[in-house]
Amino acid sequence: MAKNQHSAIHISEAIQELLKSHHLKPKFDEANVIASWEQIVGKAIAKRTKRINIKNKVLFVELLSPSMKHDLGYHKTQMLEIFKKEFGEGVVTEVVFM
């Protein structure tokens, strides 16, 4: 009696493969970054964020407070490291505060 060999993969791997095959992974990653903004920066900063979008791997963050824009500018490198750790290499390569 021959064994039927099926290769099982984890559901997350299957979803990642589906996204890659339909060229949706970059948009999915971008949406994931935007959806996670409050979790990454905290409620105080998220409340003072007017708009967030990503274009060509650059995260544009429009803030309500000019002083917060100035302060966050000092933390760009740390933020990029967090994005790299959480979402992978190359999802966000630069952050621009407006």
PDB file of N, CA and C in Angstrom:
ATOM      1  N   MET A   1       0.837  -1.155   0.000  1.00  0.00           N
ATOM      2  CA  MET A   1       0.000   0.000   0.000  1.00  0.00           C
ATOM      3  C   MET A   1       0.905   1.250   0.000  1.00  0.00           C
ATOM      4  N   ALA A   2       0.743   2.088  -0.963  1.00  0.00           N
ATOM      5  CA  ALA A   2       1.575   3.285  -1.092  1.00  0.00           C
ATOM      6  C   ALA A   2       1.034   4.402  -0.207  1.00  0.00           C
ATOM      7  N   LYS A   3       1.967   5.071   0.405  1.00  0.00           N
ATOM      8  CA  LYS A   3       1.591   6.210   1.242  1.00  0.00           C
ATOM      9  C   LYS A   3       1.388   7.444   0.362  1.00  0.00           C
ATOM     10  N   ASN A   4       0.360   8.176   0.667  1.00  0.00           N
ATOM     11  CA  ASN A   4       0.122   9.441  -0.013  1.00  0.00           C
ATOM     12  C   ASN A   4       0.874  10.515   0.765  1.00  0.00           C
ATOM     13  N   GLN A   5       1.896  11.066   0.157  1.00  0.00           N
ATOM     14  CA  GLN A   5       2.720  12.044   0.865  1.00  0.00           C
ATOM     15  C   GLN A   5       2.265  13.455   0.522  1.00  0.00           C
ATOM     16  N   HIS A   6       1.780  14.132   1.529  1.00  0.00           N
ATOM     17  CA  HIS A   6       1.383  15.531   1.393  1.00  0.00           C
ATOM     18  C   HIS A   6       2.375  16.362   2.183  1.00  0.00           C
ATOM     19  N   SER A   7       2.771  17.443   1.605  1.00  0.00           N
ATOM     20  CA  SER A   7       3.644  18.323   2.365  1.00  0.00           C
ATOM     21  C   SER A   7       2.778  19.398   3.007  1.00  0.00           C
ATOM     22  N   ALA A   8       2.842  19.447   4.311  1.00  0.00           N
ATOM     23  CA  ALA A   8       2.043  20.415   5.054  1.00  0.00           C
ATOM     24  C   ALA A   8       2.896  21.644   5.349  1.00  0.00           C
ATOM     25  N   ILE A   9       2.279  22.790   5.182  1.00  0.00           N
ATOM     26  CA  ILE A   9       2.966  24.023   5.529  1.00  0.00           C
ATOM     27  C   ILE A   9       2.079  24.810   6.483  1.00  0.00           C
ATOM     28  N   HIS A  10       2.707  25.662   7.245  1.00  0.00           N
ATOM     29  CA  HIS A  10       1.986  26.493   8.202  1.00  0.00           C
ATOM     30  C   HIS A  10       1.131  27.503   7.432  1.00  0.00           C
ATOM     31  N   ILE A  11      -0.001  27.871   7.989  1.00  0.00           N
ATOM     32  CA  ILE A  11      -0.921  28.782   7.319  1.00  0.00           C
ATOM     33  C   ILE A  11      -0.268  30.125   6.990  1.00  0.00           C
ATOM     34  N   SER A  12       0.590  30.621   7.875  1.00  0.00           N
ATOM     35  CA  SER A  12       1.254  31.901   7.602  1.00  0.00           C
ATOM     36  C   SER A  12       2.165  31.797   6.376  1.00  0.00           C
ATOM     37  N   GLU A  13       2.829  30.646   6.216  1.00  0.00           N
ATOM     38  CA  GLU A  13       3.663  30.440   5.035  1.00  0.00           C
ATOM     39  C   GLU A  13       2.821  30.398   3.773  1.00  0.00           C
ATOM     40  N   ALA A  14       1.670  29.762   3.853  1.00  0.00           N
ATOM     41  CA  ALA A  14       0.776  29.670   2.707  1.00  0.00           C
ATOM     42  C   ALA A  14       0.276  31.061   2.299  1.00  0.00           C
ATOM     43  N   ILE A  15      -0.064  31.875   3.289  1.00  0.00           N
ATOM     44  CA  ILE A  15      -0.535  33.229   2.998  1.00  0.00           C
ATOM     45  C   ILE A  15       0.586  34.052   2.372  1.00  0.00           C
ATOM     46  N   GLN A  16       1.795  33.950   2.924  1.00  0.00           N
ATOM     47  CA  GLN A  16       2.931  34.689   2.370  1.00  0.00           C
ATOM     48  C   GLN A  16       3.188  34.289   0.917  1.00  0.00           C
ATOM     49  N   GLU A  17       3.111  33.003   0.624  1.00  0.00           N
ATOM     50  CA  GLU A  17       3.309  32.529  -0.748  1.00  0.00           C
ATOM     51  C   GLU A  17       2.212  33.044  -1.676  1.00  0.00           C
ATOM     52  N   LEU A  18       0.989  33.070  -1.193  1.00  0.00           N
ATOM     53  CA  LEU A  18      -0.128  33.590  -1.981  1.00  0.00           C
ATOM     54  C   LEU A  18       0.089  35.074  -2.286  1.00  0.00           C
ATOM     55  N   LEU A  19       0.482  35.847  -1.275  1.00  0.00           N
ATOM     56  CA  LEU A  19       0.735  37.275  -1.477  1.00  0.00           C
ATOM     57  C   LEU A  19       1.863  37.499  -2.485  1.00  0.00           C
ATOM     58  N   LYS A  20       2.923  36.711  -2.373  1.00  0.00           N
ATOM     59  CA  LYS A  20       4.044  36.842  -3.308  1.00  0.00           C
ATOM     60  C   LYS A  20       3.627  36.487  -4.729  1.00  0.00           C
ATOM     61  N   SER A  21       2.877  35.406  -4.873  1.00  0.00           N
ATOM     62  CA  SER A  21       2.509  34.952  -6.214  1.00  0.00           C
ATOM     63  C   SER A  21       1.583  35.932  -6.928  1.00  0.00           C
ATOM     64  N   HIS A  22       0.820  36.704  -6.184  1.00  0.00           N
ATOM     65  CA  HIS A  22      -0.081  37.692  -6.778  1.00  0.00           C
ATOM     66  C   HIS A  22       0.473  39.115  -6.683  1.00  0.00           C
ATOM     67  N   HIS A  23       1.747  39.229  -6.319  1.00  0.00           N
ATOM     68  CA  HIS A  23       2.457  40.510  -6.225  1.00  0.00           C
ATOM     69  C   HIS A  23       1.741  41.494  -5.288  1.00  0.00           C
ATOM     70  N   LEU A  24       1.217  40.979  -4.198  1.00  0.00           N
ATOM     71  CA  LEU A  24       0.505  41.802  -3.220  1.00  0.00           C
ATOM     72  C   LEU A  24       1.304  42.032  -1.942  1.00  0.00           C
ATOM     73  N   LYS A  25       2.427  41.354  -1.787  1.00  0.00           N
ATOM     74  CA  LYS A  25       3.188  41.430  -0.548  1.00  0.00           C
ATOM     75  C   LYS A  25       3.617  42.853  -0.182  1.00  0.00           C
ATOM     76  N   PRO A  26       4.157  43.651  -1.111  1.00  0.00           N
ATOM     77  CA  PRO A  26       4.542  45.019  -0.718  1.00  0.00           C
ATOM     78  C   PRO A  26       3.373  45.840  -0.179  1.00  0.00           C
ATOM     79  N   LYS A  27       2.228  45.764  -0.819  1.00  0.00           N
ATOM     80  CA  LYS A  27       1.062  46.522  -0.348  1.00  0.00           C
ATOM     81  C   LYS A  27       0.572  45.993   0.996  1.00  0.00           C
ATOM     82  N   PHE A  28       0.619  44.691   1.180  1.00  0.00           N
ATOM     83  CA  PHE A  28       0.225  44.090   2.454  1.00  0.00           C
ATOM     84  C   PHE A  28       1.160  44.564   3.565  1.00  0.00           C
ATOM     85  N   ASP A  29       2.463  44.561   3.301  1.00  0.00           N
ATOM     86  CA  ASP A  29       3.443  45.017   4.289  1.00  0.00           C
ATOM     87  C   ASP A  29       3.228  46.486   4.645  1.00  0.00           C
ATOM     88  N   GLU A  30       2.960  47.309   3.633  1.00  0.00           N
ATOM     89  CA  GLU A  30       2.714  48.724   3.877  1.00  0.00           C
ATOM     90  C   GLU A  30       1.472  48.925   4.748  1.00  0.00           C
ATOM     91  N   ALA A  31       0.410  48.213   4.437  1.00  0.00           N
ATOM     92  CA  ALA A  31      -0.825  48.315   5.232  1.00  0.00           C
ATOM     93  C   ALA A  31      -0.580  47.856   6.660  1.00  0.00           C
ATOM     94  N   ASN A  32       0.247  46.856   6.826  1.00  0.00           N
ATOM     95  CA  ASN A  32       0.582  46.336   8.144  1.00  0.00           C
ATOM     96  C   ASN A  32       1.349  47.375   8.967  1.00  0.00           C
ATOM     97  N   VAL A  33       2.284  48.083   8.339  1.00  0.00           N
ATOM     98  CA  VAL A  33       3.044  49.138   9.024  1.00  0.00           C
ATOM     99  C   VAL A  33       2.093  50.235   9.488  1.00  0.00           C
ATOM    100  N   ILE A  34       1.227  50.686   8.598  1.00  0.00           N
ATOM    101  CA  ILE A  34       0.292  51.764   8.925  1.00  0.00           C
ATOM    102  C   ILE A  34      -0.664  51.339  10.041  1.00  0.00           C
ATOM    103  N   ALA A  35      -1.159  50.119   9.960  1.00  0.00           N
ATOM    104  CA  ALA A  35      -2.082  49.615  10.987  1.00  0.00           C
ATOM    105  C   ALA A  35      -1.403  49.470  12.349  1.00  0.00           C
ATOM    106  N   SER A  36      -0.100  49.284  12.356  1.00  0.00           N
ATOM    107  CA  SER A  36       0.646  49.078  13.599  1.00  0.00           C
ATOM    108  C   SER A  36       1.241  50.360  14.161  1.00  0.00           C
ATOM    109  N   TRP A  37       0.986  51.488  13.543  1.00  0.00           N
ATOM    110  CA  TRP A  37       1.596  52.760  13.945  1.00  0.00           C
ATOM    111  C   TRP A  37       1.413  53.054  15.432  1.00  0.00           C
ATOM    112  N   GLU A  38       0.187  52.974  15.925  1.00  0.00           N
ATOM    113  CA  GLU A  38      -0.063  53.293  17.341  1.00  0.00           C
ATOM    114  C   GLU A  38       0.685  52.342  18.259  1.00  0.00           C
ATOM    115  N   GLN A  39       0.708  51.079  17.914  1.00  0.00           N
ATOM    116  CA  GLN A  39       1.405  50.082  18.735  1.00  0.00           C
ATOM    117  C   GLN A  39       2.912  50.366  18.771  1.00  0.00           C
ATOM    118  N   ILE A  40       3.455  50.837  17.677  1.00  0.00           N
ATOM    119  CA  ILE A  40       4.895  51.073  17.597  1.00  0.00           C
ATOM    120  C   ILE A  40       5.299  52.356  18.313  1.00  0.00           C
ATOM    121  N   VAL A  41       4.553  53.442  18.100  1.00  0.00           N
ATOM    122  CA  VAL A  41       4.961  54.734  18.647  1.00  0.00           C
ATOM    123  C   VAL A  41       4.250  55.111  19.936  1.00  0.00           C
ATOM    124  N   GLY A  42       3.174  54.427  20.265  1.00  0.00           N
ATOM    125  CA  GLY A  42       2.420  54.734  21.475  1.00  0.00           C
ATOM    126  C   GLY A  42       1.245  55.655  21.194  1.00  0.00           C
ATOM    127  N   LYS A  43       0.329  55.696  22.140  1.00  0.00           N
ATOM    128  CA  LYS A  43      -0.900  56.467  21.970  1.00  0.00           C
ATOM    129  C   LYS A  43      -0.665  57.973  21.880  1.00  0.00           C
ATOM    130  N   ALA A  44       0.266  58.489  22.669  1.00  0.00           N
ATOM    131  CA  ALA A  44       0.508  59.935  22.694  1.00  0.00           C
ATOM    132  C   ALA A  44       0.916  60.455  21.323  1.00  0.00           C
ATOM    133  N   ILE A  45       1.831  59.768  20.669  1.00  0.00           N
ATOM    134  CA  ILE A  45       2.281  60.189  19.339  1.00  0.00           C
ATOM    135  C   ILE A  45       1.203  59.895  18.305  1.00  0.00           C
ATOM    136  N   ALA A  46       0.559  58.748  18.410  1.00  0.00           N
ATOM    137  CA  ALA A  46      -0.489  58.381  17.454  1.00  0.00           C
ATOM    138  C   ALA A  46      -1.628  59.396  17.459  1.00  0.00           C
ATOM    139  N   LYS A  47      -1.973  59.930  18.640  1.00  0.00           N
ATOM    140  CA  LYS A  47      -3.036  60.938  18.736  1.00  0.00           C
ATOM    141  C   LYS A  47      -2.649  62.230  18.023  1.00  0.00           C
ATOM    142  N   ARG A  48      -1.358  62.495  17.949  1.00  0.00           N
ATOM    143  CA  ARG A  48      -0.884  63.726  17.323  1.00  0.00           C
ATOM    144  C   ARG A  48      -0.435  63.497  15.870  1.00  0.00           C
ATOM    145  N   THR A  49      -0.792  62.348  15.345  1.00  0.00           N
ATOM    146  CA  THR A  49      -0.475  62.023  13.961  1.00  0.00           C
ATOM    147  C   THR A  49      -1.705  62.303  13.107  1.00  0.00           C
ATOM    148  N   LYS A  50      -1.511  63.137  12.117  1.00  0.00           N
ATOM    149  CA  LYS A  50      -2.632  63.510  11.248  1.00  0.00           C
ATOM    150  C   LYS A  50      -2.821  62.495  10.123  1.00  0.00           C
ATOM    151  N   ARG A  51      -1.723  62.112   9.493  1.00  0.00           N
ATOM    152  CA  ARG A  51      -1.805  61.215   8.341  1.00  0.00           C
ATOM    153  C   ARG A  51      -0.520  60.411   8.208  1.00  0.00           C
ATOM    154  N   ILE A  52      -0.657  59.174   7.707  1.00  0.00           N
ATOM    155  CA  ILE A  52       0.493  58.293   7.475  1.00  0.00           C
ATOM    156  C   ILE A  52       0.292  57.643   6.112  1.00  0.00           C
ATOM    157  N   ASN A  53       1.342  57.610   5.307  1.00  0.00           N
ATOM    158  CA  ASN A  53       1.295  56.816   4.087  1.00  0.00           C
ATOM    159  C   ASN A  53       2.709  56.396   3.707  1.00  0.00           C
ATOM    160  N   ILE A  54       2.778  55.419   2.835  1.00  0.00           N
ATOM    161  CA  ILE A  54       4.067  54.895   2.377  1.00  0.00           C
ATOM    162  C   ILE A  54       4.100  54.971   0.862  1.00  0.00           C
ATOM    163  N   LYS A  55       5.204  55.494   0.356  1.00  0.00           N
ATOM    164  CA  LYS A  55       5.412  55.532  -1.087  1.00  0.00           C
ATOM    165  C   LYS A  55       6.876  55.218  -1.352  1.00  0.00           C
ATOM    166  N   ASN A  56       7.101  54.249  -2.211  1.00  0.00           N
ATOM    167  CA  ASN A  56       8.463  53.832  -2.569  1.00  0.00           C
ATOM    168  C   ASN A  56       9.304  53.520  -1.331  1.00  0.00           C
ATOM    169  N   LYS A  57       8.705  52.828  -0.380  1.00  0.00           N
ATOM    170  CA  LYS A  57       9.355  52.377   0.848  1.00  0.00           C
ATOM    171  C   LYS A  57       9.720  53.511   1.806  1.00  0.00           C
ATOM    172  N   VAL A  58       9.172  54.702   1.572  1.00  0.00           N
ATOM    173  CA  VAL A  58       9.386  55.847   2.450  1.00  0.00           C
ATOM    174  C   VAL A  58       8.097  56.088   3.224  1.00  0.00           C
ATOM    175  N   LEU A  59       8.208  56.091   4.542  1.00  0.00           N
ATOM    176  CA  LEU A  59       7.062  56.338   5.414  1.00  0.00           C
ATOM    177  C   LEU A  59       6.949  57.843   5.642  1.00  0.00           C
ATOM    178  N   PHE A  60       5.827  58.411   5.207  1.00  0.00           N
ATOM    179  CA  PHE A  60       5.545  59.826   5.396  1.00  0.00           C
ATOM    180  C   PHE A  60       4.566  59.959   6.552  1.00  0.00           C
ATOM    181  N   VAL A  61       4.959  60.740   7.557  1.00  0.00           N
ATOM    182  CA  VAL A  61       4.143  60.919   8.752  1.00  0.00           C
ATOM    183  C   VAL A  61       3.867  62.404   8.921  1.00  0.00           C
ATOM    184  N   GLU A  62       2.588  62.761   8.811  1.00  0.00           N
ATOM    185  CA  GLU A  62       2.195  64.147   9.013  1.00  0.00           C
ATOM    186  C   GLU A  62       1.728  64.300  10.454  1.00  0.00           C
ATOM    187  N   LEU A  63       2.390  65.178  11.175  1.00  0.00           N
ATOM    188  CA  LEU A  63       2.112  65.376  12.596  1.00  0.00           C
ATOM    189  C   LEU A  63       1.388  66.700  12.834  1.00  0.00           C
ATOM    190  N   LEU A  64       0.621  66.752  13.910  1.00  0.00           N
ATOM    191  CA  LEU A  64      -0.115  67.959  14.265  1.00  0.00           C
ATOM    192  C   LEU A  64       0.766  68.980  14.979  1.00  0.00           C
ATOM    193  N   SER A  65       1.865  68.520  15.551  1.00  0.00           N
ATOM    194  CA  SER A  65       2.713  69.373  16.375  1.00  0.00           C
ATOM    195  C   SER A  65       4.104  69.547  15.754  1.00  0.00           C
ATOM    196  N   PRO A  66       4.492  70.778  15.448  1.00  0.00           N
ATOM    197  CA  PRO A  66       5.842  71.011  14.922  1.00  0.00           C
ATOM    198  C   PRO A  66       6.944  70.577  15.898  1.00  0.00           C
ATOM    199  N   SER A  67       6.701  70.732  17.189  1.00  0.00           N
ATOM    200  CA  SER A  67       7.717  70.322  18.160  1.00  0.00           C
ATOM    201  C   SER A  67       7.880  68.797  18.168  1.00  0.00           C
ATOM    202  N   MET A  68       6.796  68.074  17.965  1.00  0.00           N
ATOM    203  CA  MET A  68       6.887  66.614  17.909  1.00  0.00           C
ATOM    204  C   MET A  68       7.646  66.194  16.652  1.00  0.00           C
ATOM    205  N   LYS A  69       7.420  66.884  15.560  1.00  0.00           N
ATOM    206  CA  LYS A  69       8.156  66.611  14.321  1.00  0.00           C
ATOM    207  C   LYS A  69       9.652  66.748  14.582  1.00  0.00           C
ATOM    208  N   HIS A  70      10.024  67.809  15.261  1.00  0.00           N
ATOM    209  CA  HIS A  70      11.422  68.059  15.589  1.00  0.00           C
ATOM    210  C   HIS A  70      11.973  66.951  16.500  1.00  0.00           C
ATOM    211  N   ASP A  71      11.231  66.612  17.543  1.00  0.00           N
ATOM    212  CA  ASP A  71      11.672  65.584  18.499  1.00  0.00           C
ATOM    213  C   ASP A  71      11.812  64.216  17.847  1.00  0.00           C
ATOM    214  N   LEU A  72      10.834  63.838  17.039  1.00  0.00           N
ATOM    215  CA  LEU A  72      10.881  62.514  16.397  1.00  0.00           C
ATOM    216  C   LEU A  72      12.019  62.421  15.384  1.00  0.00           C
ATOM    217  N   GLY A  73      12.420  63.556  14.836  1.00  0.00           N
ATOM    218  CA  GLY A  73      13.540  63.552  13.906  1.00  0.00           C
ATOM    219  C   GLY A  73      14.804  62.971  14.521  1.00  0.00           C
ATOM    220  N   TYR A  74      14.950  63.125  15.836  1.00  0.00           N
ATOM    221  CA  TYR A  74      16.113  62.568  16.535  1.00  0.00           C
ATOM    222  C   TYR A  74      16.040  61.050  16.702  1.00  0.00           C
ATOM    223  N   HIS A  75      14.865  60.491  16.478  1.00  0.00           N
ATOM    224  CA  HIS A  75      14.662  59.058  16.719  1.00  0.00           C
ATOM    225  C   HIS A  75      14.428  58.257  15.441  1.00  0.00           C
ATOM    226  N   LYS A  76      14.737  58.839  14.306  1.00  0.00           N
ATOM    227  CA  LYS A  76      14.523  58.161  13.019  1.00  0.00           C
ATOM    228  C   LYS A  76      15.237  56.816  12.945  1.00  0.00           C
ATOM    229  N   THR A  77      16.493  56.803  13.341  1.00  0.00           N
ATOM    230  CA  THR A  77      17.294  55.580  13.244  1.00  0.00           C
ATOM    231  C   THR A  77      16.681  54.463  14.080  1.00  0.00           C
ATOM    232  N   GLN A  78      16.256  54.793  15.299  1.00  0.00           N
ATOM    233  CA  GLN A  78      15.639  53.782  16.161  1.00  0.00           C
ATOM    234  C   GLN A  78      14.319  53.300  15.568  1.00  0.00           C
ATOM    235  N   MET A  79      13.547  54.212  14.993  1.00  0.00           N
ATOM    236  CA  MET A  79      12.280  53.824  14.386  1.00  0.00           C
ATOM    237  C   MET A  79      12.514  52.893  13.200  1.00  0.00           C
ATOM    238  N   LEU A  80      13.502  53.208  12.378  1.00  0.00           N
ATOM    239  CA  LEU A  80      13.809  52.347  11.236  1.00  0.00           C
ATOM    240  C   LEU A  80      14.236  50.964  11.692  1.00  0.00           C
ATOM    241  N   GLU A  81      14.972  50.885  12.779  1.00  0.00           N
ATOM    242  CA  GLU A  81      15.369  49.589  13.331  1.00  0.00           C
ATOM    243  C   GLU A  81      14.142  48.788  13.800  1.00  0.00           C
ATOM    244  N   ILE A  82      13.200  49.475  14.416  1.00  0.00           N
ATOM    245  CA  ILE A  82      11.966  48.804  14.863  1.00  0.00           C
ATOM    246  C   ILE A  82      11.196  48.284  13.661  1.00  0.00           C
ATOM    247  N   PHE A  83      11.051  49.095  12.622  1.00  0.00           N
ATOM    248  CA  PHE A  83      10.344  48.654  11.416  1.00  0.00           C
ATOM    249  C   PHE A  83      11.041  47.459  10.778  1.00  0.00           C
ATOM    250  N   LYS A  84      12.355  47.507  10.740  1.00  0.00           N
ATOM    251  CA  LYS A  84      13.137  46.406  10.171  1.00  0.00           C
ATOM    252  C   LYS A  84      12.922  45.127  10.973  1.00  0.00           C
ATOM    253  N   LYS A  85      12.942  45.248  12.291  1.00  0.00           N
ATOM    254  CA  LYS A  85      12.769  44.093  13.167  1.00  0.00           C
ATOM    255  C   LYS A  85      11.342  43.530  13.073  1.00  0.00           C
ATOM    256  N   GLU A  86      10.356  44.415  13.066  1.00  0.00           N
ATOM    257  CA  GLU A  86       8.957  43.984  13.074  1.00  0.00           C
ATOM    258  C   GLU A  86       8.449  43.514  11.711  1.00  0.00           C
ATOM    259  N   PHE A  87       8.891  44.165  10.634  1.00  0.00           N
ATOM    260  CA  PHE A  87       8.294  43.912   9.321  1.00  0.00           C
ATOM    261  C   PHE A  87       9.263  43.382   8.279  1.00  0.00           C
ATOM    262  N   GLY A  88      10.539  43.324   8.626  1.00  0.00           N
ATOM    263  CA  GLY A  88      11.518  42.787   7.695  1.00  0.00           C
ATOM    264  C   GLY A  88      12.311  43.879   6.983  1.00  0.00           C
ATOM    265  N   GLU A  89      13.382  43.455   6.398  1.00  0.00           N
ATOM    266  CA  GLU A  89      14.297  44.342   5.682  1.00  0.00           C
ATOM    267  C   GLU A  89      13.609  44.937   4.456  1.00  0.00           C
ATOM    268  N   GLY A  90      13.733  46.243   4.285  1.00  0.00           N
ATOM    269  CA  GLY A  90      13.280  46.864   3.055  1.00  0.00           C
ATOM    270  C   GLY A  90      11.821  47.259   2.967  1.00  0.00           C
ATOM    271  N   VAL A  91      11.030  47.009   4.003  1.00  0.00           N
ATOM    272  CA  VAL A  91       9.623  47.434   3.957  1.00  0.00           C
ATOM    273  C   VAL A  91       9.565  48.951   4.093  1.00  0.00           C
ATOM    274  N   VAL A  92      10.301  49.488   5.056  1.00  0.00           N
ATOM    275  CA  VAL A  92      10.430  50.939   5.242  1.00  0.00           C
ATOM    276  C   VAL A  92      11.926  51.242   5.260  1.00  0.00           C
ATOM    277  N   THR A  93      12.368  52.077   4.321  1.00  0.00           N
ATOM    278  CA  THR A  93      13.800  52.402   4.253  1.00  0.00           C
ATOM    279  C   THR A  93      14.094  53.824   4.722  1.00  0.00           C
ATOM    280  N   GLU A  94      13.052  54.648   4.864  1.00  0.00           N
ATOM    281  CA  GLU A  94      13.230  56.031   5.297  1.00  0.00           C
ATOM    282  C   GLU A  94      11.943  56.517   5.944  1.00  0.00           C
ATOM    283  N   VAL A  95      12.070  57.462   6.867  1.00  0.00           N
ATOM    284  CA  VAL A  95      10.919  58.085   7.514  1.00  0.00           C
ATOM    285  C   VAL A  95      11.033  59.587   7.318  1.00  0.00           C
ATOM    286  N   VAL A  96       9.939  60.199   6.868  1.00  0.00           N
ATOM    287  CA  VAL A  96       9.889  61.647   6.678  1.00  0.00           C
ATOM    288  C   VAL A  96       8.761  62.183   7.534  1.00  0.00           C
ATOM    289  N   PHE A  97       9.111  63.110   8.424  1.00  0.00           N
ATOM    290  CA  PHE A  97       8.105  63.743   9.283  1.00  0.00           C
ATOM    291  C   PHE A  97       7.734  65.081   8.662  1.00  0.00           C
ATOM    292  N   MET A  98       6.434  65.324   8.564  1.00  0.00           N
ATOM    293  CA  MET A  98       5.936  66.553   7.946  1.00  0.00           C
ATOM    294  C   MET A  98       5.045  67.291   8.915  1.00  0.00           C
TER     295      MET A  98
END
